[in-house]
All heavy atoms as atom14 arrays in JSON, in Angstrom:
{
  "sequence": "ACRTFAREAEEVDYLQFYKQGQCFLSLDSFSSQEKLNLELVAFDGE",
  "atom14_mask": [
    [1, 1, 1, 1, 1, 0, 0, 0, 0, 0, 0, 0, 0, 0],
    [1, 1, 1, 1, 1, 1, 0, 0, 0, 0, 0, 0, 0, 0],
    [1, 1, 1, 1, 1, 1, 1, 1, 1, 1, 1, 0, 0, 0],
    [1, 1, 1, 1, 1, 1, 1, 0, 0, 0, 0, 0, 0, 0],
    [1, 1, 1, 1, 1, 1, 1, 1, 1, 1, 1, 0, 0, 0],
    [1, 1, 1, 1, 1, 0, 0, 0, 0, 0, 0, 0, 0, 0],
    [1, 1, 1, 1, 1, 1, 1, 1, 1, 1, 1, 0, 0, 0],
    [1, 1, 1, 1, 1, 1, 1, 1, 1, 0, 0, 0, 0, 0],
    [1, 1, 1, 1, 1, 0, 0, 0, 0, 0, 0, 0, 0, 0],
    [1, 1, 1, 1, 1, 1, 1, 1, 1, 0, 0, 0, 0, 0],
    [1, 1, 1, 1, 1, 1, 1, 1, 1, 0, 0, 0, 0, 0],
    [1, 1, 1, 1, 1, 1, 1, 0, 0, 0, 0, 0, 0, 0],
    [1, 1, 1, 1, 1, 1, 1, 1, 0, 0, 0, 0, 0, 0],
    [1, 1, 1, 1, 1, 1, 1, 1, 1, 1, 1, 1, 0, 0],
    [1, 1, 1, 1, 1, 1, 1, 1, 0, 0, 0, 0, 0, 0],
    [1, 1, 1, 1, 1, 1, 1, 1, 1, 0, 0, 0, 0, 0],
    [1, 1, 1, 1, 1, 1, 1, 1, 1, 1, 1, 0, 0, 0],
    [1, 1, 1, 1, 1, 1, 1, 1, 1, 1, 1, 1, 0, 0],
    [1, 1, 1, 1, 1, 1, 1, 1, 1, 0, 0, 0, 0, 0],
    [1, 1, 1, 1, 1, 1, 1, 1, 1, 0, 0, 0, 0, 0],
    [1, 1, 1, 1, 0, 0, 0, 0, 0, 0, 0, 0, 0, 0],
    [1, 1, 1, 1, 1, 1, 1, 1, 1, 0, 0, 0, 0, 0],
    [1, 1, 1, 1, 1, 1, 0, 0, 0, 0, 0, 0, 0, 0],
    [1, 1, 1, 1, 1, 1, 1, 1, 1, 1, 1, 0, 0, 0],
    [1, 1, 1, 1, 1, 1, 1, 1, 0, 0, 0, 0, 0, 0],
    [1, 1, 1, 1, 1, 1, 0, 0, 0, 0, 0, 0, 0, 0],
    [1, 1, 1, 1, 1, 1, 1, 1, 0, 0, 0, 0, 0, 0],
    [1, 1, 1, 1, 1, 1, 1, 1, 0, 0, 0, 0, 0, 0],
    [1, 1, 1, 1, 1, 1, 0, 0, 0, 0, 0, 0, 0, 0],
    [1, 1, 1, 1, 1, 1, 1, 1, 1, 1, 1, 0, 0, 0],
    [1, 1, 1, 1, 1, 1, 0, 0, 0, 0, 0, 0, 0, 0],
    [1, 1, 1, 1, 1, 1, 0, 0, 0, 0, 0, 0, 0, 0],
    [1, 1, 1, 1, 1, 1, 1, 1, 1, 0, 0, 0, 0, 0],
    [1, 1, 1, 1, 1, 1, 1, 1, 1, 0, 0, 0, 0, 0],
    [1, 1, 1, 1, 1, 1, 1, 1, 1, 0, 0, 0, 0, 0],
    [1, 1, 1, 1, 1, 1, 1, 1, 0, 0, 0, 0, 0, 0],
    [1, 1, 1, 1, 1, 1, 1, 1, 0, 0, 0, 0, 0, 0],
    [1, 1, 1, 1, 1, 1, 1, 1, 0, 0, 0, 0, 0, 0],
    [1, 1, 1, 1, 1, 1, 1, 1, 1, 0, 0, 0, 0, 0],
    [1, 1, 1, 1, 1, 1, 1, 1, 0, 0, 0, 0, 0, 0],
    [1, 1, 1, 1, 1, 1, 1, 0, 0, 0, 0, 0, 0, 0],
    [1, 1, 1, 1, 1, 0, 0, 0, 0, 0, 0, 0, 0, 0],
    [1, 1, 1, 1, 1, 1, 1, 1, 1, 1, 1, 0, 0, 0],
    [1, 1, 1, 1, 1, 1, 1, 1, 0, 0, 0, 0, 0, 0],
    [1, 1, 1, 1, 0, 0, 0, 0, 0, 0, 0, 0, 0, 0],
    [1, 1, 1, 1, 1, 1, 1, 1, 1, 0, 0, 0, 0, 0]
  ],
  "atom14_positions": [
    [[1.57, -5.09, -4.59], [0.6, -5.07, -3.5], [0.51, -3.73, -2.87], [1.53, -3.06, -2.66], [0.96, -6.12, -2.45], [0.0, 0.0, 0.0], [0.0, 0.0, 0.0], [0.0, 0.0, 0.0], [0.0, 0.0, 0.0], [0.0, 0.0, 0.0], [0.0, 0.0, 0.0], [0.0, 0.0, 0.0], [0.0, 0.0, 0.0], [0.0, 0.0, 0.0]],
    [[-0.7, -3.29, -2.64], [-0.93, -2.04, -1.9], [-1.32, -2.42, -0.46], [-2.23, -3.21, -0.26], [-2.1, -1.26, -2.57], [-2.59, 0.21, -1.63], [0.0, 0.0, 0.0], [0.0, 0.0, 0.0], [0.0, 0.0, 0.0], [0.0, 0.0, 0.0], [0.0, 0.0, 0.0], [0.0, 0.0, 0.0], [0.0, 0.0, 0.0], [0.0, 0.0, 0.0]],
    [[-0.55, -1.89, 0.49], [-0.77, -2.28, 1.87], [-0.64, -1.09, 2.82], [-0.03, -0.06, 2.45], [0.17, -3.39, 2.3], [1.64, -2.99, 2.3], [2.56, -4.14, 2.49], [3.94, -3.73, 2.67], [5.0, -4.56, 2.75], [4.81, -5.85, 2.61], [6.24, -4.07, 2.91], [0.0, 0.0, 0.0], [0.0, 0.0, 0.0], [0.0, 0.0, 0.0]],
    [[-1.17, -1.25, 4.03], [-1.03, -0.2, 5.02], [-0.24, -0.76, 6.21], [-0.31, -1.98, 6.48], [-2.38, 0.32, 5.53], [-3.09, -0.78, 6.15], [-3.2, 0.89, 4.4], [0.0, 0.0, 0.0], [0.0, 0.0, 0.0], [0.0, 0.0, 0.0], [0.0, 0.0, 0.0], [0.0, 0.0, 0.0], [0.0, 0.0, 0.0], [0.0, 0.0, 0.0]],
    [[0.47, 0.11, 6.89], [1.24, -0.33, 8.06], [0.89, 0.59, 9.23], [1.14, 1.8, 9.19], [2.73, -0.28, 7.78], [3.6, -0.62, 8.97], [3.63, -1.91, 9.45], [4.35, 0.35, 9.61], [4.42, -2.24, 10.54], [5.11, 0.02, 10.72], [5.16, -1.28, 11.18], [0.0, 0.0, 0.0], [0.0, 0.0, 0.0], [0.0, 0.0, 0.0]],
    [[0.25, 0.02, 10.27], [-0.08, 0.79, 11.45], [1.12, 0.71, 12.43], [1.44, -0.36, 12.93], [-1.34, 0.22, 12.11], [0.0, 0.0, 0.0], [0.0, 0.0, 0.0], [0.0, 0.0, 0.0], [0.0, 0.0, 0.0], [0.0, 0.0, 0.0], [0.0, 0.0, 0.0], [0.0, 0.0, 0.0], [0.0, 0.0, 0.0], [0.0, 0.0, 0.0]],
    [[1.77, 1.83, 12.67], [3.0, 1.84, 13.48], [2.79, 1.31, 14.88], [3.6, 0.54, 15.41], [3.56, 3.25, 13.54], [4.05, 3.76, 12.18], [4.68, 5.15, 12.31], [5.08, 5.69, 11.02], [6.25, 5.37, 10.44], [7.09, 4.55, 11.03], [6.54, 5.89, 9.26], [0.0, 0.0, 0.0], [0.0, 0.0, 0.0], [0.0, 0.0, 0.0]],
    [[1.72, 1.76, 15.55], [1.52, 1.35, 16.95], [1.25, -0.15, 17.08], [1.77, -0.81, 17.95], [0.36, 2.15, 17.55], [0.69, 3.64, 17.74], [-0.4, 4.36, 18.47], [-1.5, 3.77, 18.64], [-0.2, 5.5, 18.91], [0.0, 0.0, 0.0], [0.0, 0.0, 0.0], [0.0, 0.0, 0.0], [0.0, 0.0, 0.0], [0.0, 0.0, 0.0]],
    [[0.4, -0.67, 16.21], [0.03, -2.08, 16.31], [1.05, -2.99, 15.57], [1.04, -4.2, 15.78], [-1.33, -2.28, 15.72], [0.0, 0.0, 0.0], [0.0, 0.0, 0.0], [0.0, 0.0, 0.0], [0.0, 0.0, 0.0], [0.0, 0.0, 0.0], [0.0, 0.0, 0.0], [0.0, 0.0, 0.0], [0.0, 0.0, 0.0], [0.0, 0.0, 0.0]],
    [[1.91, -2.39, 14.76], [2.88, -3.14, 13.98], [2.17, -4.21, 13.14], [2.64, -5.36, 13.06], [3.96, -3.78, 14.86], [4.84, -2.73, 15.58], [5.98, -3.37, 16.31], [6.05, -4.59, 16.35], [6.81, -2.65, 16.87], [0.0, 0.0, 0.0], [0.0, 0.0, 0.0], [0.0, 0.0, 0.0], [0.0, 0.0, 0.0], [0.0, 0.0, 0.0]],
    [[1.07, -3.83, 12.51], [0.33, -4.72, 11.69], [0.31, -4.24, 10.26], [0.3, -3.05, 9.99], [-1.13, -4.87, 12.18], [-1.24, -5.53, 13.54], [-2.67, -5.63, 14.0], [-3.54, -5.04, 13.35], [-2.91, -6.28, 15.05], [0.0, 0.0, 0.0], [0.0, 0.0, 0.0], [0.0, 0.0, 0.0], [0.0, 0.0, 0.0], [0.0, 0.0, 0.0]],
    [[0.32, -5.19, 9.31], [0.26, -4.85, 7.89], [-1.08, -5.36, 7.33], [-1.41, -6.52, 7.53], [1.43, -5.48, 7.11], [1.29, -5.24, 5.63], [2.77, -4.93, 7.64], [0.0, 0.0, 0.0], [0.0, 0.0, 0.0], [0.0, 0.0, 0.0], [0.0, 0.0, 0.0], [0.0, 0.0, 0.0], [0.0, 0.0, 0.0], [0.0, 0.0, 0.0]],
    [[-1.82, -4.52, 6.68], [-3.05, -4.88, 6.03], [-2.91, -4.73, 4.54], [-2.51, -3.7, 4.03], [-4.22, -4.0, 6.51], [-4.65, -4.33, 7.93], [-4.57, -5.52, 8.29], [-5.07, -3.41, 8.65], [0.0, 0.0, 0.0], [0.0, 0.0, 0.0], [0.0, 0.0, 0.0], [0.0, 0.0, 0.0], [0.0, 0.0, 0.0], [0.0, 0.0, 0.0]],
    [[-3.26, -5.8, 3.79], [-3.19, -5.77, 2.34], [-4.53, -5.36, 1.79], [-5.59, -5.96, 2.12], [-2.79, -7.14, 1.82], [-1.3, -7.42, 2.0], [-0.8, -7.81, 3.24], [-0.41, -7.25, 0.95], [0.56, -8.02, 3.4], [0.95, -7.47, 1.13], [1.43, -7.86, 2.34], [2.76, -8.07, 2.54], [0.0, 0.0, 0.0], [0.0, 0.0, 0.0]],
    [[-4.53, -4.3, 0.96], [-5.78, -3.73, 0.46], [-6.1, -4.08, -0.98], [-7.29, -4.31, -1.3], [-5.69, -2.18, 0.56], [-5.35, -1.62, 1.92], [-5.25, -0.1, 1.84], [-6.41, -2.04, 2.95], [0.0, 0.0, 0.0], [0.0, 0.0, 0.0], [0.0, 0.0, 0.0], [0.0, 0.0, 0.0], [0.0, 0.0, 0.0], [0.0, 0.0, 0.0]],
    [[-5.09, -4.11, -1.87], [-5.34, -4.33, -3.26], [-4.07, -4.8, -3.95], [-2.98, -4.65, -3.4], [-5.86, -3.05, -3.94], [-6.45, -3.2, -5.31], [-7.49, -4.3, -5.39], [-7.17, -5.42, -5.77], [-8.75, -3.96, -5.07], [0.0, 0.0, 0.0], [0.0, 0.0, 0.0], [0.0, 0.0, 0.0], [0.0, 0.0, 0.0], [0.0, 0.0, 0.0]],
    [[-4.21, -5.28, -5.18], [-3.09, -5.71, -5.98], [-3.22, -5.13, -7.38], [-4.31, -4.82, -7.86], [-3.05, -7.25, -6.06], [-2.85, -7.92, -4.73], [-3.89, -8.24, -3.94], [-1.56, -8.22, -4.29], [-3.7, -8.85, -2.71], [-1.32, -8.83, -3.06], [-2.44, -9.15, -2.24], [0.0, 0.0, 0.0], [0.0, 0.0, 0.0], [0.0, 0.0, 0.0]],
    [[-2.06, -4.99, -8.06], [-2.01, -4.51, -9.42], [-1.13, -5.46, -10.24], [-0.1, -5.9, -9.78], [-1.44, -3.08, -9.51], [-2.25, -2.06, -8.77], [-1.94, -1.7, -7.46], [-3.37, -1.43, -9.38], [-2.7, -0.77, -6.78], [-4.09, -0.5, -8.7], [-3.77, -0.17, -7.41], [-4.53, 0.74, -6.74], [0.0, 0.0, 0.0], [0.0, 0.0, 0.0]],
    [[-1.58, -5.76, -11.47], [-0.86, -6.7, -12.3], [-0.53, -6.08, -13.66], [-0.82, -4.9, -13.92], [-1.71, -7.95, -12.52], [-3.0, -7.69, -13.29], [-3.78, -9.0, -13.48], [-5.07, -8.71, -14.28], [-5.84, -9.96, -14.5], [0.0, 0.0, 0.0], [0.0, 0.0, 0.0], [0.0, 0.0, 0.0], [0.0, 0.0, 0.0], [0.0, 0.0, 0.0]],
    [[0.11, -6.85, -14.51], [0.51, -6.4, -15.84], [-0.69, -5.83, -16.61], [-1.78, -6.41, -16.63], [1.09, -7.55, -16.66], [1.54, -7.19, -18.07], [2.0, -8.39, -18.86], [1.75, -9.52, -18.51], [2.74, -8.13, -19.94], [0.0, 0.0, 0.0], [0.0, 0.0, 0.0], [0.0, 0.0, 0.0], [0.0, 0.0, 0.0], [0.0, 0.0, 0.0]],
    [[-0.46, -4.64, -17.2], [-1.52, -3.99, -17.99], [-2.35, -3.02, -17.19], [-3.1, -2.24, -17.78], [0.0, 0.0, 0.0], [0.0, 0.0, 0.0], [0.0, 0.0, 0.0], [0.0, 0.0, 0.0], [0.0, 0.0, 0.0], [0.0, 0.0, 0.0], [0.0, 0.0, 0.0], [0.0, 0.0, 0.0], [0.0, 0.0, 0.0], [0.0, 0.0, 0.0]],
    [[-2.19, -3.0, -15.85], [-2.95, -2.05, -15.04], [-2.1, -0.83, -14.76], [-0.86, -0.85, -14.92], [-3.38, -2.71, -13.73], [-4.44, -3.78, -13.9], [-4.98, -4.3, -12.58], [-4.23, -4.54, -11.63], [-6.29, -4.5, -12.5], [0.0, 0.0, 0.0], [0.0, 0.0, 0.0], [0.0, 0.0, 0.0], [0.0, 0.0, 0.0], [0.0, 0.0, 0.0]],
    [[-2.75, 0.24, -14.33], [-2.01, 1.49, -14.04], [-2.63, 2.14, -12.78], [-3.73, 1.81, -12.38], [-2.07, 2.45, -15.21], [-3.73, 2.87, -15.75], [0.0, 0.0, 0.0], [0.0, 0.0, 0.0], [0.0, 0.0, 0.0], [0.0, 0.0, 0.0], [0.0, 0.0, 0.0], [0.0, 0.0, 0.0], [0.0, 0.0, 0.0], [0.0, 0.0, 0.0]],
    [[-1.86, 3.06, -12.19], [-2.35, 3.77, -11.02], [-1.65, 5.1, -10.9], [-0.55, 5.31, -11.45], [-2.11, 2.95, -9.75], [-0.73, 2.39, -9.6], [0.29, 3.15, -9.06], [-0.45, 1.09, -10.02], [1.56, 2.64, -8.93], [0.83, 0.56, -9.9], [1.83, 1.34, -9.36], [0.0, 0.0, 0.0], [0.0, 0.0, 0.0], [0.0, 0.0, 0.0]],
    [[-2.28, 6.03, -10.2], [-1.7, 7.33, -9.91], [-1.05, 7.26, -8.53], [-1.09, 6.25, -7.87], [-2.78, 8.41, -9.96], [-3.5, 8.57, -11.29], [-4.7, 9.49, -11.15], [-2.57, 9.1, -12.36], [0.0, 0.0, 0.0], [0.0, 0.0, 0.0], [0.0, 0.0, 0.0], [0.0, 0.0, 0.0], [0.0, 0.0, 0.0], [0.0, 0.0, 0.0]],
    [[-0.46, 8.4, -8.1], [0.12, 8.43, -6.78], [-0.94, 8.16, -5.73], [-2.08, 8.63, -5.84], [0.75, 9.8, -6.51], [1.08, 9.95, -5.15], [0.0, 0.0, 0.0], [0.0, 0.0, 0.0], [0.0, 0.0, 0.0], [0.0, 0.0, 0.0], [0.0, 0.0, 0.0], [0.0, 0.0, 0.0], [0.0, 0.0, 0.0], [0.0, 0.0, 0.0]],
    [[-0.61, 7.37, -4.7], [-1.58, 7.03, -3.69], [-1.44, 7.88, -2.41], [-2.03, 7.6, -1.41], [-1.41, 5.55, -3.3], [-1.6, 4.53, -4.43], [-1.42, 3.15, -3.91], [-2.98, 4.67, -5.07], [0.0, 0.0, 0.0], [0.0, 0.0, 0.0], [0.0, 0.0, 0.0], [0.0, 0.0, 0.0], [0.0, 0.0, 0.0], [0.0, 0.0, 0.0]],
    [[-0.64, 8.93, -2.5], [-0.34, 9.76, -1.35], [-1.6, 10.38, -0.72], [-1.7, 10.53, 0.47], [0.66, 10.88, -1.67], [1.08, 11.66, -0.45], [1.87, 11.11, 0.34], [0.64, 12.79, -0.31], [0.0, 0.0, 0.0], [0.0, 0.0, 0.0], [0.0, 0.0, 0.0], [0.0, 0.0, 0.0], [0.0, 0.0, 0.0], [0.0, 0.0, 0.0]],
    [[-2.56, 10.71, -1.54], [-3.76, 11.41, -1.08], [-4.63, 10.49, -0.19], [-5.43, 10.95, 0.58], [-4.62, 11.88, -2.26], [-4.99, 10.79, -3.05], [0.0, 0.0, 0.0], [0.0, 0.0, 0.0], [0.0, 0.0, 0.0], [0.0, 0.0, 0.0], [0.0, 0.0, 0.0], [0.0, 0.0, 0.0], [0.0, 0.0, 0.0], [0.0, 0.0, 0.0]],
    [[-4.4, 9.17, -0.28], [-5.19, 8.24, 0.51], [-4.59, 8.06, 1.91], [-5.18, 7.45, 2.77], [-5.27, 6.87, -0.18], [-6.06, 6.9, -1.43], [-5.43, 7.1, -2.65], [-7.42, 6.77, -1.44], [-6.15, 7.13, -3.85], [-8.17, 6.78, -2.61], [-7.52, 7.0, -3.82], [0.0, 0.0, 0.0], [0.0, 0.0, 0.0], [0.0, 0.0, 0.0]],
    [[-3.36, 8.54, 2.1], [-2.66, 8.31, 3.35], [-2.67, 9.58, 4.19], [-1.63, 10.12, 4.5], [-1.21, 7.89, 3.06], [-0.55, 7.54, 4.25], [0.0, 0.0, 0.0], [0.0, 0.0, 0.0], [0.0, 0.0, 0.0], [0.0, 0.0, 0.0], [0.0, 0.0, 0.0], [0.0, 0.0, 0.0], [0.0, 0.0, 0.0], [0.0, 0.0, 0.0]],
    [[-3.84, 10.01, 4.55], [-3.97, 11.29, 5.29], [-3.79, 11.12, 6.79], [-3.53, 12.11, 7.49], [-5.35, 11.89, 4.99], [-6.36, 10.97, 5.34], [0.0, 0.0, 0.0], [0.0, 0.0, 0.0], [0.0, 0.0, 0.0], [0.0, 0.0, 0.0], [0.0, 0.0, 0.0], [0.0, 0.0, 0.0], [0.0, 0.0, 0.0], [0.0, 0.0, 0.0]],
    [[-3.96, 9.91, 7.31], [-3.81, 9.72, 8.73], [-2.34, 9.59, 9.12], [-1.59, 8.88, 8.47], [-4.58, 8.47, 9.19], [-6.07, 8.53, 8.85], [-6.78, 7.29, 9.31], [-6.46, 6.73, 10.36], [-7.74, 6.84, 8.5], [0.0, 0.0, 0.0], [0.0, 0.0, 0.0], [0.0, 0.0, 0.0], [0.0, 0.0, 0.0], [0.0, 0.0, 0.0]],
    [[-1.95, 10.27, 10.19], [-0.55, 10.25, 10.6], [-0.02, 8.87, 10.89], [1.13, 8.55, 10.55], [-0.36, 11.15, 11.83], [-0.44, 12.63, 11.51], [-0.11, 13.44, 12.77], [0.34, 12.83, 13.75], [-0.3, 14.64, 12.75], [0.0, 0.0, 0.0], [0.0, 0.0, 0.0], [0.0, 0.0, 0.0], [0.0, 0.0, 0.0], [0.0, 0.0, 0.0]],
    [[-0.81, 8.07, 11.53], [-0.35, 6.79, 11.97], [-0.6, 5.65, 11.01], [-0.49, 4.48, 11.32], [-0.94, 6.46, 13.35], [-0.59, 7.48, 14.41], [-1.23, 7.18, 15.74], [-0.89, 8.23, 16.8], [-1.5, 7.94, 18.1], [0.0, 0.0, 0.0], [0.0, 0.0, 0.0], [0.0, 0.0, 0.0], [0.0, 0.0, 0.0], [0.0, 0.0, 0.0]],
    [[-1.02, 5.99, 9.8], [-1.31, 4.99, 8.8], [-0.49, 5.26, 7.56], [-0.7, 6.27, 6.88], [-2.8, 5.0, 8.48], [-3.31, 3.92, 7.5], [-3.15, 2.55, 8.14], [-4.75, 4.15, 7.14], [0.0, 0.0, 0.0], [0.0, 0.0, 0.0], [0.0, 0.0, 0.0], [0.0, 0.0, 0.0], [0.0, 0.0, 0.0], [0.0, 0.0, 0.0]],
    [[0.4, 4.36, 7.23], [1.26, 4.54, 6.05], [0.76, 3.64, 4.93], [0.55, 2.43, 5.15], [2.72, 4.19, 6.38], [3.36, 5.23, 7.27], [2.96, 6.37, 7.25], [4.34, 4.79, 8.03], [0.0, 0.0, 0.0], [0.0, 0.0, 0.0], [0.0, 0.0, 0.0], [0.0, 0.0, 0.0], [0.0, 0.0, 0.0], [0.0, 0.0, 0.0]],
    [[0.59, 4.21, 3.79], [0.15, 3.46, 2.6], [1.36, 3.27, 1.71], [2.04, 4.24, 1.41], [-0.98, 4.2, 1.89], [-1.73, 3.43, 0.82], [-2.47, 2.23, 1.39], [-2.73, 4.36, 0.13], [0.0, 0.0, 0.0], [0.0, 0.0, 0.0], [0.0, 0.0, 0.0], [0.0, 0.0, 0.0], [0.0, 0.0, 0.0], [0.0, 0.0, 0.0]],
    [[1.63, 2.04, 1.27], [2.79, 1.82, 0.47], [2.49, 0.74, -0.6], [1.63, -0.09, -0.43], [4.0, 1.41, 1.29], [3.78, 0.11, 2.07], [4.94, -0.2, 3.03], [5.77, 0.72, 3.27], [5.04, -1.32, 3.5], [0.0, 0.0, 0.0], [0.0, 0.0, 0.0], [0.0, 0.0, 0.0], [0.0, 0.0, 0.0], [0.0, 0.0, 0.0]],
    [[3.26, 0.8, -1.65], [3.2, -0.22, -2.73], [4.55, -0.99, -2.68], [5.61, -0.41, -2.55], [3.05, 0.46, -4.08], [1.7, 1.1, -4.39], [1.74, 1.8, -5.74], [0.6, 0.08, -4.4], [0.0, 0.0, 0.0], [0.0, 0.0, 0.0], [0.0, 0.0, 0.0], [0.0, 0.0, 0.0], [0.0, 0.0, 0.0], [0.0, 0.0, 0.0]],
    [[4.41, -2.31, -2.8], [5.61, -3.15, -2.79], [5.56, -4.16, -3.91], [4.47, -4.61, -4.34], [5.76, -3.92, -1.43], [5.98, -2.94, -0.29], [4.53, -4.78, -1.18], [0.0, 0.0, 0.0], [0.0, 0.0, 0.0], [0.0, 0.0, 0.0], [0.0, 0.0, 0.0], [0.0, 0.0, 0.0], [0.0, 0.0, 0.0], [0.0, 0.0, 0.0]],
    [[6.74, -4.52, -4.44], [6.83, -5.58, -5.42], [6.48, -6.89, -4.7], [7.13, -7.27, -3.73], [8.22, -5.65, -5.99], [0.0, 0.0, 0.0], [0.0, 0.0, 0.0], [0.0, 0.0, 0.0], [0.0, 0.0, 0.0], [0.0, 0.0, 0.0], [0.0, 0.0, 0.0], [0.0, 0.0, 0.0], [0.0, 0.0, 0.0], [0.0, 0.0, 0.0]],
    [[5.44, -7.57, -5.17], [4.87, -8.69, -4.4], [5.29, -10.05, -4.88], [5.57, -10.95, -4.08], [3.35, -8.59, -4.41], [2.66, -9.62, -3.54], [2.67, -9.47, -2.17], [2.07, -10.73, -4.1], [2.05, -10.41, -1.35], [1.44, -11.69, -3.3], [1.44, -11.53, -1.93], [0.0, 0.0, 0.0], [0.0, 0.0, 0.0], [0.0, 0.0, 0.0]],
    [[5.34, -10.24, -6.16], [5.59, -11.57, -6.68], [6.63, -11.53, -7.81], [6.35, -11.19, -8.93], [4.3, -12.19, -7.23], [4.34, -13.71, -7.31], [5.41, -14.24, -6.98], [3.34, -14.32, -7.71], [0.0, 0.0, 0.0], [0.0, 0.0, 0.0], [0.0, 0.0, 0.0], [0.0, 0.0, 0.0], [0.0, 0.0, 0.0], [0.0, 0.0, 0.0]],
    [[7.89, -11.83, -7.46], [8.96, -11.78, -8.46], [9.4, -10.35, -8.77], [9.19, -9.44, -7.97], [0.0, 0.0, 0.0], [0.0, 0.0, 0.0], [0.0, 0.0, 0.0], [0.0, 0.0, 0.0], [0.0, 0.0, 0.0], [0.0, 0.0, 0.0], [0.0, 0.0, 0.0], [0.0, 0.0, 0.0], [0.0, 0.0, 0.0], [0.0, 0.0, 0.0]],
    [[9.92, -10.15, -9.94], [10.39, -8.82, -10.35], [9.23, -8.03, -10.97], [8.39, -8.56, -11.66], [11.53, -8.94, -11.35], [12.8, -9.51, -10.78], [13.94, -9.51, -11.74], [13.67, -9.47, -13.0], [15.11, -9.52, -11.33], [0.0, 0.0, 0.0], [0.0, 0.0, 0.0], [0.0, 0.0, 0.0], [0.0, 0.0, 0.0], [0.0, 0.0, 0.0]]
  ]
}
């Protein structure tokens, strides 16, 4: 799961998902705002 975390509001927003057979590049360039962290997490199982 690709999600954002707003530090001040302490809210998590889910933006997109990736499954077997898909690929992605680094997402750092999308996280340009200081107070918005973009992260990828293992969502369902291993």
